[in-house]
């Protein structure tokens, strides 16, 4: 297992390696696998990318993202401008059923509401608006409509886990109830935990995924 200093160094190296992140503005602390990011960055997109880069590092069990978005003066936009940009971005994304999604902007913080048929549509809507200039944060309150039996959902998820080259499906259990999926077990890295969650969300009828998988090294 890595020491806190080794983990801190690896995260700093990964942030420096990530081209969408300016690591000079980011402070890193590590404590027993928990990594805390601090500092000020110019966009919500960069905050998202910094967290993603940190999760890729082997040895990271959890991330406390305390990065604050501080917009440059030239990037200041009204809520009306941001809302219009969000609507345009959703319409431009062919995956997103934009007619089913409502955008609310308050204090440059965006909330997405509505109901879609698939989780990948929900995630695509999030991706469409998170890079918009002037946005401080995005809350995704879009829900997924259930349309499959619990047994069918459980079977499809277990099959997807077994197909994945990155996951040891024998170490993960799947429970389903009214569209909610609970994953339990142990994996070796954060990416494996996220891959299991991605497989669960890909099943038809899934409305919620509770990922209780633990990371062990």
Protein backbone atom coordinates (compact mmCIF):
# COMPACT_ATOMS: atom_id res chain seq x y z
CA UNK A 1 0.00 0.00 0.00
CA UNK A 2 1.27 3.48 -0.84
CA UNK A 3 2.24 5.95 1.83
CA UNK A 4 0.38 9.27 2.00
CA UNK A 5 3.41 11.03 0.51
CA UNK A 6 3.62 8.57 -2.38
CA UNK A 7 -0.10 8.91 -3.10
CA UNK A 8 0.10 12.71 -2.96
CA UNK A 9 3.01 12.67 -5.43
CA UNK A 10 1.20 10.31 -7.81
CA UNK A 11 -1.93 12.48 -7.82
CA UNK A 12 0.13 15.62 -8.43
CA UNK A 13 1.88 13.88 -11.33
CA UNK A 14 -1.45 12.79 -12.83
CA UNK A 15 -2.86 16.32 -12.54
CA UNK A 16 0.23 17.66 -14.29
CA UNK A 17 -0.18 15.00 -16.98
CA UNK A 18 -3.86 15.87 -17.63
CA UNK A 19 -3.87 18.55 -20.40
CA UNK A 20 -7.26 20.01 -19.41
CA UNK A 21 -6.07 20.84 -15.88
CA UNK A 22 -3.74 23.59 -14.65
CA UNK A 23 -2.20 21.79 -11.68
CA UNK A 24 -0.46 24.97 -10.50
CA UNK A 25 -3.78 26.12 -9.00
CA UNK A 26 -4.54 22.86 -7.19
CA UNK A 27 -3.41 21.71 -3.76
CA UNK A 28 -3.31 17.98 -2.97
CA UNK A 29 -3.45 16.26 0.42
CA UNK A 30 -3.63 12.51 1.08
CA UNK A 31 -4.68 10.67 4.22
CA UNK A 32 -5.16 6.88 4.26
CA UNK A 33 -6.34 6.75 0.64
CA UNK A 34 -8.56 9.83 0.90
CA UNK A 35 -7.35 12.62 -1.39
CA UNK A 36 -8.45 16.23 -0.87
CA UNK A 37 -8.21 18.78 -3.68
CA UNK A 38 -8.17 22.47 -2.78
CA UNK A 39 -7.68 25.77 -4.59
CA UNK A 40 -9.38 28.04 -7.13
CA UNK A 41 -9.91 27.15 -10.79
CA UNK A 42 -11.48 29.13 -13.66
CA UNK A 43 -14.20 26.69 -14.78
CA UNK A 44 -16.51 23.93 -13.61
CA UNK A 45 -15.21 21.75 -16.45
CA UNK A 46 -11.70 21.89 -15.02
CA UNK A 47 -13.03 20.98 -11.56
CA UNK A 48 -14.66 17.91 -13.10
CA UNK A 49 -11.52 16.90 -15.00
CA UNK A 50 -9.31 17.31 -11.93
CA UNK A 51 -11.53 14.96 -9.95
CA UNK A 52 -11.54 12.43 -12.78
CA UNK A 53 -7.74 12.52 -13.04
CA UNK A 54 -7.43 11.96 -9.29
CA UNK A 55 -9.75 8.94 -9.39
CA UNK A 56 -7.55 7.31 -12.03
CA UNK A 57 -4.61 7.06 -9.64
CA UNK A 58 -4.09 3.64 -8.08
CA UNK A 59 -4.43 3.84 -4.31
CA UNK A 60 -7.15 6.51 -4.24
CA UNK A 61 -10.11 5.25 -2.23
CA UNK A 62 -12.07 8.52 -2.03
CA UNK A 63 -11.85 12.10 -3.29
CA UNK A 64 -12.90 15.21 -1.36
CA UNK A 65 -13.20 17.83 -4.12
CA UNK A 66 -13.02 21.20 -2.39
CA UNK A 67 -11.94 23.09 -5.51
CA UNK A 68 -13.79 26.38 -5.92
CA UNK A 69 -14.69 27.81 -9.31
CA UNK A 70 -13.59 31.44 -9.52
CA UNK A 71 -14.45 32.93 -12.88
CA UNK A 72 -12.16 35.47 -14.55
CA UNK A 73 -13.78 38.89 -14.92
CA UNK A 74 -14.14 38.43 -18.67
CA UNK A 75 -16.09 35.18 -18.12
CA UNK A 76 -18.90 36.71 -16.05
CA UNK A 77 -22.30 35.98 -17.63
CA UNK A 78 -25.89 36.52 -16.55
CA UNK A 79 -28.11 33.62 -15.54
CA UNK A 80 -30.19 34.34 -18.65
CA UNK A 81 -27.14 33.98 -20.92
CA UNK A 82 -26.08 30.75 -19.22
CA UNK A 83 -29.61 29.31 -19.44
CA UNK A 84 -29.80 30.11 -23.17
CA UNK A 85 -26.39 28.50 -23.72
CA UNK A 86 -27.50 25.38 -21.82
CA UNK A 87 -30.69 25.04 -23.88
CA UNK A 88 -28.70 25.42 -27.11
CA UNK A 89 -26.14 22.81 -25.97
CA UNK A 90 -28.87 20.29 -25.11
CA UNK A 91 -30.57 20.82 -28.47
CA UNK A 92 -27.26 20.36 -30.29
CA UNK A 93 -26.59 16.97 -28.64
CA UNK A 94 -28.35 14.25 -30.67
CA UNK A 95 -28.31 11.81 -27.71
CA UNK A 96 -30.26 14.17 -25.45
CA UNK A 97 -34.09 14.28 -25.62
CA UNK A 98 -34.01 18.03 -24.94
CA UNK A 99 -37.81 18.33 -25.01
CA UNK A 100 -37.90 16.25 -21.80
CA UNK A 101 -35.37 18.37 -19.89
CA UNK A 102 -35.82 21.65 -18.03
CA UNK A 103 -32.91 23.96 -17.22
CA UNK A 104 -32.92 26.12 -14.08
CA UNK A 105 -30.11 28.62 -13.46
CA UNK A 106 -29.70 30.51 -10.20
CA UNK A 107 -26.55 32.36 -9.28
CA UNK A 108 -24.71 30.75 -12.24
CA UNK A 109 -25.49 27.31 -10.80
CA UNK A 110 -27.31 25.01 -13.22
CA UNK A 111 -29.93 22.41 -12.28
CA UNK A 112 -31.23 19.91 -14.82
CA UNK A 113 -34.71 18.46 -14.27
CA UNK A 114 -36.98 16.05 -16.15
CA UNK A 115 -37.30 12.35 -16.98
CA UNK A 116 -35.53 10.32 -19.68
CA UNK A 117 -35.59 6.69 -20.79
CA UNK A 118 -31.91 5.85 -20.33
CA UNK A 119 -29.02 6.70 -18.04
CA UNK A 120 -26.74 7.50 -20.98
CA UNK A 121 -29.18 10.28 -21.93
CA UNK A 122 -29.00 11.64 -18.38
CA UNK A 123 -25.19 11.63 -18.47
CA UNK A 124 -25.09 13.18 -21.95
CA UNK A 125 -27.21 16.09 -20.71
CA UNK A 126 -24.75 16.65 -17.87
CA UNK A 127 -21.78 16.60 -20.25
CA UNK A 128 -23.52 19.02 -22.61
CA UNK A 129 -23.82 21.80 -20.02
CA UNK A 130 -20.86 21.34 -17.69
CA UNK A 131 -18.34 22.93 -20.10
CA UNK A 132 -20.38 26.09 -20.69
CA UNK A 133 -18.45 29.23 -19.86
CA UNK A 134 -19.65 30.96 -16.69
CA UNK A 135 -21.17 27.89 -14.99
CA UNK A 136 -20.15 27.45 -11.33
CA UNK A 137 -21.78 24.05 -10.74
CA UNK A 138 -24.23 21.56 -12.24
CA UNK A 139 -26.83 19.52 -10.33
CA UNK A 140 -28.32 16.67 -12.32
CA UNK A 141 -31.85 16.01 -11.03
CA UNK A 142 -32.95 14.21 -14.19
CA UNK A 143 -34.56 10.85 -13.38
CA UNK A 144 -34.67 7.66 -15.45
CA UNK A 145 -38.02 6.04 -16.23
CA UNK A 146 -38.24 2.36 -15.14
CA UNK A 147 -39.35 -0.12 -17.81
CA UNK A 148 -38.11 -3.60 -16.92
CA UNK A 149 -38.66 -6.34 -14.31
CA UNK A 150 -36.20 -6.60 -11.37
CA UNK A 151 -35.14 -10.13 -12.34
CA UNK A 152 -34.44 -9.07 -15.92
CA UNK A 153 -32.39 -6.10 -14.71
CA UNK A 154 -30.35 -8.24 -12.30
CA UNK A 155 -29.61 -10.82 -14.99
CA UNK A 156 -28.52 -8.25 -17.57
CA UNK A 157 -26.20 -6.50 -15.10
CA UNK A 158 -24.58 -9.77 -13.99
CA UNK A 159 -24.02 -10.71 -17.63
CA UNK A 160 -22.45 -7.30 -18.34
CA UNK A 161 -20.12 -7.65 -15.34
CA UNK A 162 -18.97 -11.06 -16.55
CA UNK A 163 -18.28 -9.68 -20.05
CA UNK A 164 -16.07 -6.87 -18.78
CA UNK A 165 -12.34 -7.52 -18.95
CA UNK A 166 -11.75 -4.96 -16.21
CA UNK A 167 -14.03 -6.50 -13.56
CA UNK A 168 -13.82 -9.67 -11.48
CA UNK A 169 -17.57 -10.33 -11.40
CA UNK A 170 -17.15 -13.04 -8.76
CA UNK A 171 -16.35 -10.34 -6.19
CA UNK A 172 -19.50 -8.28 -6.84
CA UNK A 173 -23.11 -8.97 -5.85
CA UNK A 174 -26.13 -7.34 -7.47
CA UNK A 175 -29.46 -6.59 -5.77
CA UNK A 176 -32.47 -5.04 -7.54
CA UNK A 177 -35.75 -3.61 -6.30
CA UNK A 178 -38.18 -1.36 -8.21
CA UNK A 179 -35.50 0.00 -10.52
CA UNK A 180 -32.95 0.50 -7.75
CA UNK A 181 -29.70 -1.45 -8.03
CA UNK A 182 -27.33 -2.01 -5.12
CA UNK A 183 -23.79 -3.18 -5.82
CA UNK A 184 -21.69 -4.77 -3.07
CA UNK A 185 -18.31 -6.44 -2.91
CA UNK A 186 -14.65 -5.51 -3.31
CA UNK A 187 -12.52 -4.35 -6.25
CA UNK A 188 -8.87 -3.40 -6.72
CA UNK A 189 -9.16 0.13 -8.10
CA UNK A 190 -11.50 3.10 -8.40
CA UNK A 191 -11.77 2.56 -12.16
CA UNK A 192 -13.06 -0.98 -11.57
CA UNK A 193 -15.68 0.33 -9.15
CA UNK A 194 -16.80 2.93 -11.69
CA UNK A 195 -16.89 0.35 -14.48
CA UNK A 196 -19.20 -1.84 -12.39
CA UNK A 197 -21.51 1.14 -11.80
CA UNK A 198 -21.45 1.98 -15.51
CA UNK A 199 -22.47 -1.61 -16.32
CA UNK A 200 -25.36 -1.38 -13.85
CA UNK A 201 -26.62 1.90 -15.31
CA UNK A 202 -26.56 0.44 -18.83
CA UNK A 203 -29.31 -2.07 -18.00
CA UNK A 204 -32.86 -1.14 -19.06
CA UNK A 205 -35.16 -0.05 -16.24
CA UNK A 206 -32.47 1.13 -13.82
CA UNK A 207 -33.46 4.36 -12.06
CA UNK A 208 -30.94 4.42 -9.20
CA UNK A 209 -27.57 2.78 -8.55
CA UNK A 210 -26.21 2.58 -5.00
CA UNK A 211 -22.55 1.65 -5.32
CA UNK A 212 -21.43 0.13 -2.01
CA UNK A 213 -18.40 -1.62 -3.52
CA UNK A 214 -15.25 -1.21 -1.42
CA UNK A 215 -11.78 -0.67 -2.82
CA UNK A 216 -9.06 -2.91 -1.39
CA UNK A 217 -5.34 -2.90 -2.20
